[in-house]
Structures are given as structure tokens and as C-alpha cells.
Amino acid sequence: MKFPLTANELTNEVYISADKYPEIGDLRIRQLIKILSNVSDELIIEGVINVFEGDQRILTKTLDQEFAGQILREIKPKTQVALETILKRILSNWDKSVEEIPFWLKENYGAEACKNTFEMISNNDVLTKIEKEQLETIKWWMEIK
């Protein structure tokens, strides 16, 4: 396993962990999570968001995102990147069954800020139909009416 020095390296480590899952289960992702304590939050977030945003790995999309979600759940990285920016990047490709994204968003930004941002982007008509559905699912996970 390579110690990730860039967001792309972290993304690749998540992908390798998913590819090796049939052989070794979640051992590799658990090992990766342990070494990520020495990696900056911003690098972790960018690497994880790359996984949620990526649409090239159709066959492993859910597992890729589950592993990225495990990283969010275990490490709880913090960011100052605007919530709207993150949502724009992940909404079109996020797998609705990966609950860690909504929980991490709520923990990082707070429920009220999430609710306000959701209302703002919903009212701007900048979202596609799929993105609107995804946003509704995030709101459901967060228990935001």
C-alpha cells in the first residue's frame, strides 16, 4: 500500500481496495484508514470526493463509494470548502445507499447550514432532475423536511 501524498493517490488506493475486496475483504481499506491519520483533512476530503464524483467505474461504483464513506465515518475530516461546491461535485453520481455522505455533511457543516444550502440550491433551478432526487435523498438521510 502506498502512503497517499496527493488526492489522486488516495482515490487510487480506495479503488485498489475495492478491486482487491473479493480476495481479501475489507482488510486493505481498514489498513488505509489507519495510515490516513497522518494525512491532512483537505487531502482526504478531495480524495474521497473524487471517488463520489467519478463515474468511470460503473461495476464497482457502490463498493468504491462505501469504502470512501468508511473513510469519512472513521476519520471525520473537516473542511471549509463551501457545501454548495461539494454538492455540485457529488450529486450526479452519489450512490443513495451510501449514507456516510449525508451524515458527514451534517457533522461538518451543521444541520441548519445544510438545510439553508439545500433550500438555496433547490430554488436556483441549477440542478438536474437526478441531482434534485439525490438532494431529496440526502435530506431524508439527514431528517430535514
N, C-alpha and C. Protein backbone atom coordinates (compact mmCIF):
# COMPACT_ATOMS: atom_id res chain seq x y z
N MET A 1 0.85 -1.16 0.00
CA MET A 1 0.00 0.00 0.00
C MET A 1 0.90 1.23 0.00
N LYS A 2 0.49 2.19 -0.81
CA LYS A 2 1.25 3.42 -0.94
C LYS A 2 0.66 4.49 -0.03
N PHE A 3 1.53 5.18 0.72
CA PHE A 3 1.08 6.29 1.55
C PHE A 3 0.67 7.43 0.61
N PRO A 4 -0.60 7.87 0.66
CA PRO A 4 -1.06 8.87 -0.30
C PRO A 4 -0.51 10.27 0.00
N LEU A 5 0.14 10.84 -1.00
CA LEU A 5 0.67 12.20 -0.88
C LEU A 5 -0.19 13.21 -1.63
N THR A 6 -1.08 12.69 -2.49
CA THR A 6 -1.99 13.55 -3.24
C THR A 6 -3.40 12.97 -3.16
N ALA A 7 -4.37 13.79 -3.50
CA ALA A 7 -5.76 13.32 -3.51
C ALA A 7 -5.95 12.20 -4.52
N ASN A 8 -5.32 12.31 -5.68
CA ASN A 8 -5.45 11.25 -6.69
C ASN A 8 -4.86 9.93 -6.21
N GLU A 9 -3.77 10.00 -5.46
CA GLU A 9 -3.19 8.77 -4.91
C GLU A 9 -4.14 8.14 -3.91
N LEU A 10 -4.80 8.95 -3.09
CA LEU A 10 -5.78 8.42 -2.14
C LEU A 10 -6.95 7.78 -2.89
N THR A 11 -7.44 8.47 -3.90
CA THR A 11 -8.53 7.92 -4.72
C THR A 11 -8.13 6.57 -5.29
N ASN A 12 -6.92 6.48 -5.83
CA ASN A 12 -6.44 5.21 -6.39
C ASN A 12 -6.34 4.12 -5.33
N GLU A 13 -5.94 4.47 -4.12
CA GLU A 13 -5.86 3.49 -3.04
C GLU A 13 -7.25 2.95 -2.68
N VAL A 14 -8.25 3.82 -2.72
CA VAL A 14 -9.63 3.36 -2.49
C VAL A 14 -10.04 2.39 -3.60
N TYR A 15 -9.74 2.75 -4.84
CA TYR A 15 -10.09 1.88 -5.97
C TYR A 15 -9.38 0.52 -5.88
N ILE A 16 -8.11 0.53 -5.52
CA ILE A 16 -7.37 -0.73 -5.39
C ILE A 16 -7.99 -1.57 -4.27
N SER A 17 -8.37 -0.93 -3.18
CA SER A 17 -9.01 -1.65 -2.07
C SER A 17 -10.31 -2.31 -2.53
N ALA A 18 -11.09 -1.60 -3.33
CA ALA A 18 -12.34 -2.17 -3.85
C ALA A 18 -12.05 -3.32 -4.81
N ASP A 19 -11.03 -3.17 -5.65
CA ASP A 19 -10.68 -4.21 -6.61
C ASP A 19 -10.20 -5.48 -5.92
N LYS A 20 -9.53 -5.33 -4.78
CA LYS A 20 -8.99 -6.48 -4.05
C LYS A 20 -9.99 -7.06 -3.05
N TYR A 21 -11.14 -6.44 -2.93
CA TYR A 21 -12.15 -6.89 -1.96
C TYR A 21 -12.52 -8.37 -2.12
N PRO A 22 -12.73 -8.87 -3.35
CA PRO A 22 -13.09 -10.29 -3.47
C PRO A 22 -12.04 -11.24 -2.90
N GLU A 23 -10.78 -10.82 -2.92
CA GLU A 23 -9.69 -11.67 -2.43
C GLU A 23 -9.45 -11.52 -0.93
N ILE A 24 -9.48 -10.26 -0.43
CA ILE A 24 -9.05 -10.03 0.96
C ILE A 24 -10.09 -9.30 1.82
N GLY A 25 -11.28 -9.12 1.30
CA GLY A 25 -12.32 -8.43 2.07
C GLY A 25 -11.95 -6.97 2.29
N ASP A 26 -12.30 -6.45 3.44
CA ASP A 26 -12.07 -5.02 3.70
C ASP A 26 -10.75 -4.75 4.43
N LEU A 27 -9.87 -5.75 4.48
CA LEU A 27 -8.59 -5.59 5.17
C LEU A 27 -7.81 -4.38 4.65
N ARG A 28 -7.73 -4.23 3.34
CA ARG A 28 -6.92 -3.17 2.75
C ARG A 28 -7.47 -1.78 3.08
N ILE A 29 -8.79 -1.62 3.04
CA ILE A 29 -9.36 -0.30 3.34
C ILE A 29 -9.18 0.01 4.83
N ARG A 30 -9.27 -0.99 5.67
CA ARG A 30 -9.03 -0.76 7.10
C ARG A 30 -7.59 -0.34 7.35
N GLN A 31 -6.65 -0.96 6.63
CA GLN A 31 -5.25 -0.56 6.76
C GLN A 31 -5.05 0.87 6.24
N LEU A 32 -5.71 1.19 5.14
CA LEU A 32 -5.60 2.54 4.59
C LEU A 32 -6.12 3.57 5.59
N ILE A 33 -7.24 3.29 6.21
CA ILE A 33 -7.82 4.21 7.19
C ILE A 33 -6.84 4.46 8.34
N LYS A 34 -6.13 3.43 8.76
CA LYS A 34 -5.16 3.59 9.85
C LYS A 34 -4.03 4.56 9.48
N ILE A 35 -3.55 4.49 8.24
CA ILE A 35 -2.44 5.37 7.86
C ILE A 35 -2.93 6.79 7.53
N LEU A 36 -4.23 6.95 7.31
CA LEU A 36 -4.74 8.27 6.96
C LEU A 36 -4.74 9.25 8.13
N SER A 37 -4.47 8.76 9.34
CA SER A 37 -4.39 9.68 10.48
C SER A 37 -3.21 10.65 10.32
N ASN A 38 -2.29 10.30 9.44
CA ASN A 38 -1.12 11.16 9.17
C ASN A 38 -1.27 11.98 7.89
N VAL A 39 -2.48 12.05 7.37
CA VAL A 39 -2.75 12.77 6.12
C VAL A 39 -3.67 13.95 6.44
N SER A 40 -3.48 15.06 5.75
CA SER A 40 -4.28 16.25 6.02
C SER A 40 -5.76 16.01 5.66
N ASP A 41 -6.62 16.67 6.41
CA ASP A 41 -8.06 16.55 6.16
C ASP A 41 -8.42 16.96 4.74
N GLU A 42 -7.83 18.05 4.25
CA GLU A 42 -8.17 18.53 2.91
C GLU A 42 -7.81 17.51 1.84
N LEU A 43 -6.66 16.85 1.99
CA LEU A 43 -6.27 15.82 1.03
C LEU A 43 -7.24 14.64 1.10
N ILE A 44 -7.62 14.25 2.30
CA ILE A 44 -8.57 13.16 2.48
C ILE A 44 -9.90 13.51 1.82
N ILE A 45 -10.40 14.69 2.09
CA ILE A 45 -11.70 15.09 1.54
C ILE A 45 -11.65 15.12 0.02
N GLU A 46 -10.61 15.71 -0.54
CA GLU A 46 -10.50 15.78 -2.00
C GLU A 46 -10.43 14.37 -2.61
N GLY A 47 -9.64 13.49 -1.99
CA GLY A 47 -9.53 12.12 -2.50
C GLY A 47 -10.85 11.37 -2.43
N VAL A 48 -11.58 11.56 -1.33
CA VAL A 48 -12.87 10.89 -1.15
C VAL A 48 -13.92 11.48 -2.10
N ILE A 49 -13.95 12.80 -2.24
CA ILE A 49 -14.90 13.43 -3.15
C ILE A 49 -14.64 12.97 -4.58
N ASN A 50 -13.38 12.77 -4.94
CA ASN A 50 -13.05 12.23 -6.27
C ASN A 50 -13.76 10.89 -6.50
N VAL A 51 -13.81 10.07 -5.47
CA VAL A 51 -14.47 8.77 -5.59
C VAL A 51 -15.96 8.96 -5.83
N PHE A 52 -16.60 9.83 -5.06
CA PHE A 52 -18.04 10.06 -5.21
C PHE A 52 -18.38 10.74 -6.53
N GLU A 53 -17.47 11.51 -7.05
CA GLU A 53 -17.69 12.25 -8.27
C GLU A 53 -17.41 11.40 -9.51
N GLY A 54 -16.49 10.44 -9.37
CA GLY A 54 -16.06 9.64 -10.52
C GLY A 54 -17.16 8.74 -11.07
N ASP A 55 -17.24 8.67 -12.37
CA ASP A 55 -18.28 7.84 -12.99
C ASP A 55 -17.70 6.82 -13.98
N GLN A 56 -16.40 6.58 -13.91
CA GLN A 56 -15.77 5.65 -14.84
C GLN A 56 -15.87 4.19 -14.39
N ARG A 57 -16.06 3.95 -13.11
CA ARG A 57 -16.03 2.59 -12.56
C ARG A 57 -17.44 2.13 -12.22
N ILE A 58 -18.22 1.90 -13.25
CA ILE A 58 -19.64 1.55 -13.09
C ILE A 58 -19.82 0.27 -12.28
N LEU A 59 -19.02 -0.75 -12.56
CA LEU A 59 -19.20 -2.05 -11.90
C LEU A 59 -18.85 -2.04 -10.42
N THR A 60 -17.98 -1.14 -10.01
CA THR A 60 -17.55 -1.11 -8.61
C THR A 60 -17.97 0.18 -7.91
N LYS A 61 -18.83 0.95 -8.53
CA LYS A 61 -19.23 2.26 -8.00
C LYS A 61 -19.70 2.17 -6.55
N THR A 62 -20.59 1.25 -6.25
CA THR A 62 -21.13 1.17 -4.88
C THR A 62 -20.06 0.82 -3.88
N LEU A 63 -19.25 -0.17 -4.17
CA LEU A 63 -18.18 -0.55 -3.24
C LEU A 63 -17.15 0.56 -3.11
N ASP A 64 -16.78 1.19 -4.23
CA ASP A 64 -15.85 2.33 -4.17
C ASP A 64 -16.38 3.37 -3.19
N GLN A 65 -17.66 3.72 -3.35
CA GLN A 65 -18.25 4.76 -2.52
C GLN A 65 -18.44 4.30 -1.07
N GLU A 66 -18.74 3.03 -0.87
CA GLU A 66 -18.85 2.52 0.50
C GLU A 66 -17.50 2.66 1.22
N PHE A 67 -16.42 2.34 0.52
CA PHE A 67 -15.10 2.46 1.12
C PHE A 67 -14.76 3.93 1.38
N ALA A 68 -15.09 4.82 0.44
CA ALA A 68 -14.86 6.25 0.66
C ALA A 68 -15.69 6.73 1.85
N GLY A 69 -16.90 6.21 1.96
CA GLY A 69 -17.76 6.55 3.10
C GLY A 69 -17.19 6.07 4.41
N GLN A 70 -16.57 4.89 4.42
CA GLN A 70 -15.92 4.39 5.63
C GLN A 70 -14.84 5.35 6.09
N ILE A 71 -14.11 5.90 5.13
CA ILE A 71 -13.05 6.86 5.47
C ILE A 71 -13.68 8.07 6.15
N LEU A 72 -14.77 8.59 5.59
CA LEU A 72 -15.44 9.74 6.20
C LEU A 72 -15.93 9.42 7.60
N ARG A 73 -16.53 8.22 7.76
CA ARG A 73 -17.08 7.83 9.06
C ARG A 73 -15.99 7.67 10.11
N GLU A 74 -14.88 7.07 9.73
CA GLU A 74 -13.83 6.77 10.70
C GLU A 74 -12.94 7.98 11.00
N ILE A 75 -12.58 8.73 9.99
CA ILE A 75 -11.62 9.83 10.15
C ILE A 75 -12.33 11.13 10.55
N LYS A 76 -13.54 11.34 10.03
CA LYS A 76 -14.30 12.58 10.27
C LYS A 76 -13.48 13.82 9.90
N PRO A 77 -12.99 13.87 8.65
CA PRO A 77 -12.18 15.04 8.25
C PRO A 77 -13.03 16.30 8.21
N LYS A 78 -12.40 17.42 8.46
CA LYS A 78 -13.09 18.72 8.47
C LYS A 78 -12.65 19.52 7.25
N THR A 79 -13.57 20.36 6.76
CA THR A 79 -13.24 21.22 5.63
C THR A 79 -13.98 22.54 5.73
N GLN A 80 -13.39 23.54 5.07
CA GLN A 80 -14.02 24.85 4.95
C GLN A 80 -14.55 25.05 3.53
N VAL A 81 -14.37 24.07 2.66
CA VAL A 81 -14.88 24.16 1.29
C VAL A 81 -16.39 24.35 1.36
N ALA A 82 -16.91 25.23 0.54
CA ALA A 82 -18.35 25.52 0.57
C ALA A 82 -19.16 24.26 0.31
N LEU A 83 -20.20 24.08 1.10
CA LEU A 83 -21.08 22.92 0.95
C LEU A 83 -21.64 22.84 -0.47
N GLU A 84 -22.01 23.97 -1.02
CA GLU A 84 -22.55 24.00 -2.38
C GLU A 84 -21.55 23.43 -3.38
N THR A 85 -20.29 23.72 -3.20
CA THR A 85 -19.24 23.21 -4.09
C THR A 85 -19.17 21.69 -4.01
N ILE A 86 -19.20 21.16 -2.80
CA ILE A 86 -19.14 19.71 -2.64
C ILE A 86 -20.38 19.05 -3.24
N LEU A 87 -21.55 19.62 -2.98
CA LEU A 87 -22.79 19.06 -3.52
C LEU A 87 -22.76 19.03 -5.04
N LYS A 88 -22.30 20.10 -5.66
CA LYS A 88 -22.23 20.15 -7.13
C LYS A 88 -21.36 19.03 -7.68
N ARG A 89 -20.33 18.67 -6.92
CA ARG A 89 -19.41 17.64 -7.39
C ARG A 89 -19.97 16.22 -7.21
N ILE A 90 -20.76 16.00 -6.16
CA ILE A 90 -21.14 14.62 -5.84
C ILE A 90 -22.57 14.23 -6.24
N LEU A 91 -23.46 15.19 -6.38
CA LEU A 91 -24.88 14.86 -6.52
C LEU A 91 -25.20 13.97 -7.73
N SER A 92 -24.56 14.19 -8.85
CA SER A 92 -24.96 13.43 -10.04
C SER A 92 -24.52 11.97 -10.00
N ASN A 93 -23.53 11.64 -9.19
CA ASN A 93 -23.01 10.27 -9.21
C ASN A 93 -23.10 9.54 -7.87
N TRP A 94 -23.49 10.21 -6.80
CA TRP A 94 -23.54 9.60 -5.48
C TRP A 94 -24.53 8.43 -5.46
N ASP A 95 -24.12 7.31 -4.87
CA ASP A 95 -24.98 6.15 -4.69
C ASP A 95 -25.82 6.39 -3.42
N LYS A 96 -27.12 6.45 -3.59
CA LYS A 96 -28.03 6.81 -2.49
C LYS A 96 -27.92 5.89 -1.27
N SER A 97 -27.40 4.69 -1.46
CA SER A 97 -27.30 3.76 -0.33
C SER A 97 -26.10 4.06 0.57
N VAL A 98 -25.22 4.94 0.13
CA VAL A 98 -24.02 5.26 0.91
C VAL A 98 -24.37 6.42 1.83
N GLU A 99 -24.79 6.06 3.02
CA GLU A 99 -25.33 7.02 3.99
C GLU A 99 -24.28 7.90 4.64
N GLU A 100 -23.02 7.55 4.51
CA GLU A 100 -21.98 8.31 5.19
C GLU A 100 -21.86 9.74 4.69
N ILE A 101 -22.14 9.97 3.41
CA ILE A 101 -22.06 11.34 2.88
C ILE A 101 -23.03 12.27 3.61
N PRO A 102 -24.32 11.96 3.67
CA PRO A 102 -25.22 12.87 4.39
C PRO A 102 -24.82 13.08 5.85
N PHE A 103 -24.41 12.00 6.51
CA PHE A 103 -24.03 12.13 7.92
C PHE A 103 -22.78 12.98 8.09
N TRP A 104 -21.81 12.81 7.18
CA TRP A 104 -20.60 13.61 7.24
C TRP A 104 -20.92 15.09 6.95
N LEU A 105 -21.75 15.34 5.95
CA LEU A 105 -22.13 16.72 5.63
C LEU A 105 -22.76 17.39 6.85
N LYS A 106 -23.67 16.68 7.50
CA LYS A 106 -24.36 17.23 8.67
C LYS A 106 -23.37 17.50 9.80
N GLU A 107 -22.44 16.58 10.01
CA GLU A 107 -21.45 16.74 11.07
C GLU A 107 -20.48 17.88 10.77
N ASN A 108 -20.06 18.00 9.52
CA ASN A 108 -19.08 19.01 9.15
C ASN A 108 -19.68 20.42 9.09
N TYR A 109 -20.87 20.53 8.50
CA TYR A 109 -21.45 21.86 8.26
C TYR A 109 -22.54 22.24 9.27
N GLY A 110 -23.12 21.25 9.92
CA GLY A 110 -24.24 21.52 10.82
C GLY A 110 -25.57 21.41 10.08
N ALA A 111 -26.59 20.98 10.79
CA ALA A 111 -27.90 20.73 10.17
C ALA A 111 -28.51 22.00 9.58
N GLU A 112 -28.38 23.11 10.30
CA GLU A 112 -29.01 24.35 9.84
C GLU A 112 -28.35 24.88 8.56
N ALA A 113 -27.03 24.85 8.51
CA ALA A 113 -26.32 25.29 7.32
C ALA A 113 -26.65 24.39 6.12
N CYS A 114 -26.76 23.09 6.38
CA CYS A 114 -27.13 22.16 5.31
C CYS A 114 -28.53 22.50 4.79
N LYS A 115 -29.46 22.66 5.70
CA LYS A 115 -30.84 22.97 5.32
C LYS A 115 -30.90 24.26 4.49
N ASN A 116 -30.20 25.29 4.92
CA ASN A 116 -30.20 26.56 4.19
C ASN A 116 -29.58 26.42 2.80
N THR A 117 -28.49 25.69 2.71
CA THR A 117 -27.84 25.48 1.42
C THR A 117 -28.73 24.66 0.50
N PHE A 118 -29.37 23.63 1.04
CA PHE A 118 -30.27 22.81 0.22
C PHE A 118 -31.40 23.66 -0.35
N GLU A 119 -31.98 24.52 0.49
CA GLU A 119 -33.06 25.39 0.03
C GLU A 119 -32.57 26.34 -1.06
N MET A 120 -31.39 26.91 -0.84
CA MET A 120 -30.83 27.86 -1.80
C MET A 120 -30.61 27.22 -3.17
N ILE A 121 -29.95 26.06 -3.18
CA ILE A 121 -29.67 25.46 -4.49
C ILE A 121 -30.91 24.84 -5.12
N SER A 122 -31.86 24.42 -4.31
CA SER A 122 -33.12 23.89 -4.85
C SER A 122 -33.92 25.00 -5.54
N ASN A 123 -33.86 26.20 -4.99
CA ASN A 123 -34.62 27.32 -5.53
C ASN A 123 -33.96 27.98 -6.73
N ASN A 124 -32.70 27.68 -6.98
CA ASN A 124 -31.99 28.32 -8.09
C ASN A 124 -32.18 27.62 -9.42
N ASP A 125 -32.86 26.48 -9.43
CA ASP A 125 -33.10 25.71 -10.67
C ASP A 125 -31.81 25.38 -11.42
N VAL A 126 -30.73 25.16 -10.70
CA VAL A 126 -29.47 24.81 -11.35
C VAL A 126 -29.24 23.29 -11.33
N LEU A 127 -30.12 22.57 -10.67
CA LEU A 127 -29.95 21.13 -10.53
C LEU A 127 -30.72 20.38 -11.61
N THR A 128 -30.14 19.28 -12.05
CA THR A 128 -30.85 18.39 -12.97
C THR A 128 -31.88 17.60 -12.17
N LYS A 129 -32.73 16.88 -12.87
CA LYS A 129 -33.74 16.06 -12.19
C LYS A 129 -33.07 15.03 -11.27
N ILE A 130 -32.03 14.40 -11.75
CA ILE A 130 -31.32 13.39 -10.95
C ILE A 130 -30.70 14.05 -9.71
N GLU A 131 -30.09 15.21 -9.88
CA GLU A 131 -29.47 15.90 -8.75
C GLU A 131 -30.53 16.30 -7.73
N LYS A 132 -31.70 16.72 -8.19
CA LYS A 132 -32.78 17.07 -7.26
C LYS A 132 -33.23 15.85 -6.45
N GLU A 133 -33.33 14.70 -7.14
CA GLU A 133 -33.70 13.46 -6.45
C GLU A 133 -32.62 13.09 -5.42
N GLN A 134 -31.37 13.24 -5.82
CA GLN A 134 -30.27 12.93 -4.91
C GLN A 134 -30.31 13.84 -3.68
N LEU A 135 -30.57 15.10 -3.91
CA LEU A 135 -30.65 16.06 -2.82
C LEU A 135 -31.79 15.71 -1.87
N GLU A 136 -32.91 15.29 -2.42
CA GLU A 136 -34.04 14.87 -1.58
C GLU A 136 -33.65 13.67 -0.72
N THR A 137 -32.86 12.77 -1.27
CA THR A 137 -32.41 11.60 -0.51
C THR A 137 -31.46 12.02 0.61
N ILE A 138 -30.57 12.95 0.31
CA ILE A 138 -29.67 13.45 1.36
C ILE A 138 -30.49 14.08 2.47
N LYS A 139 -31.49 14.86 2.11
CA LYS A 139 -32.35 15.49 3.11
C LYS A 139 -33.07 14.42 3.93
N TRP A 140 -33.50 13.35 3.29
CA TRP A 140 -34.18 12.26 4.00
C TRP A 140 -33.21 11.62 5.00
N TRP A 141 -31.97 11.32 4.57
CA TRP A 141 -30.99 10.74 5.47
C TRP A 141 -30.73 11.65 6.66
N MET A 142 -30.74 12.96 6.42
CA MET A 142 -30.48 13.93 7.50
C MET A 142 -31.71 14.27 8.31
N GLU A 143 -32.84 13.74 7.89
CA GLU A 143 -34.13 14.03 8.54
C GLU A 143 -34.46 15.52 8.49
N ILE A 144 -34.21 16.12 7.31
CA ILE A 144 -34.54 17.52 7.06
C ILE A 144 -35.81 17.55 6.21
N LYS A 145 -36.80 18.26 6.67
CA LYS A 145 -38.08 18.35 5.94
C LYS A 145 -38.02 19.44 4.91
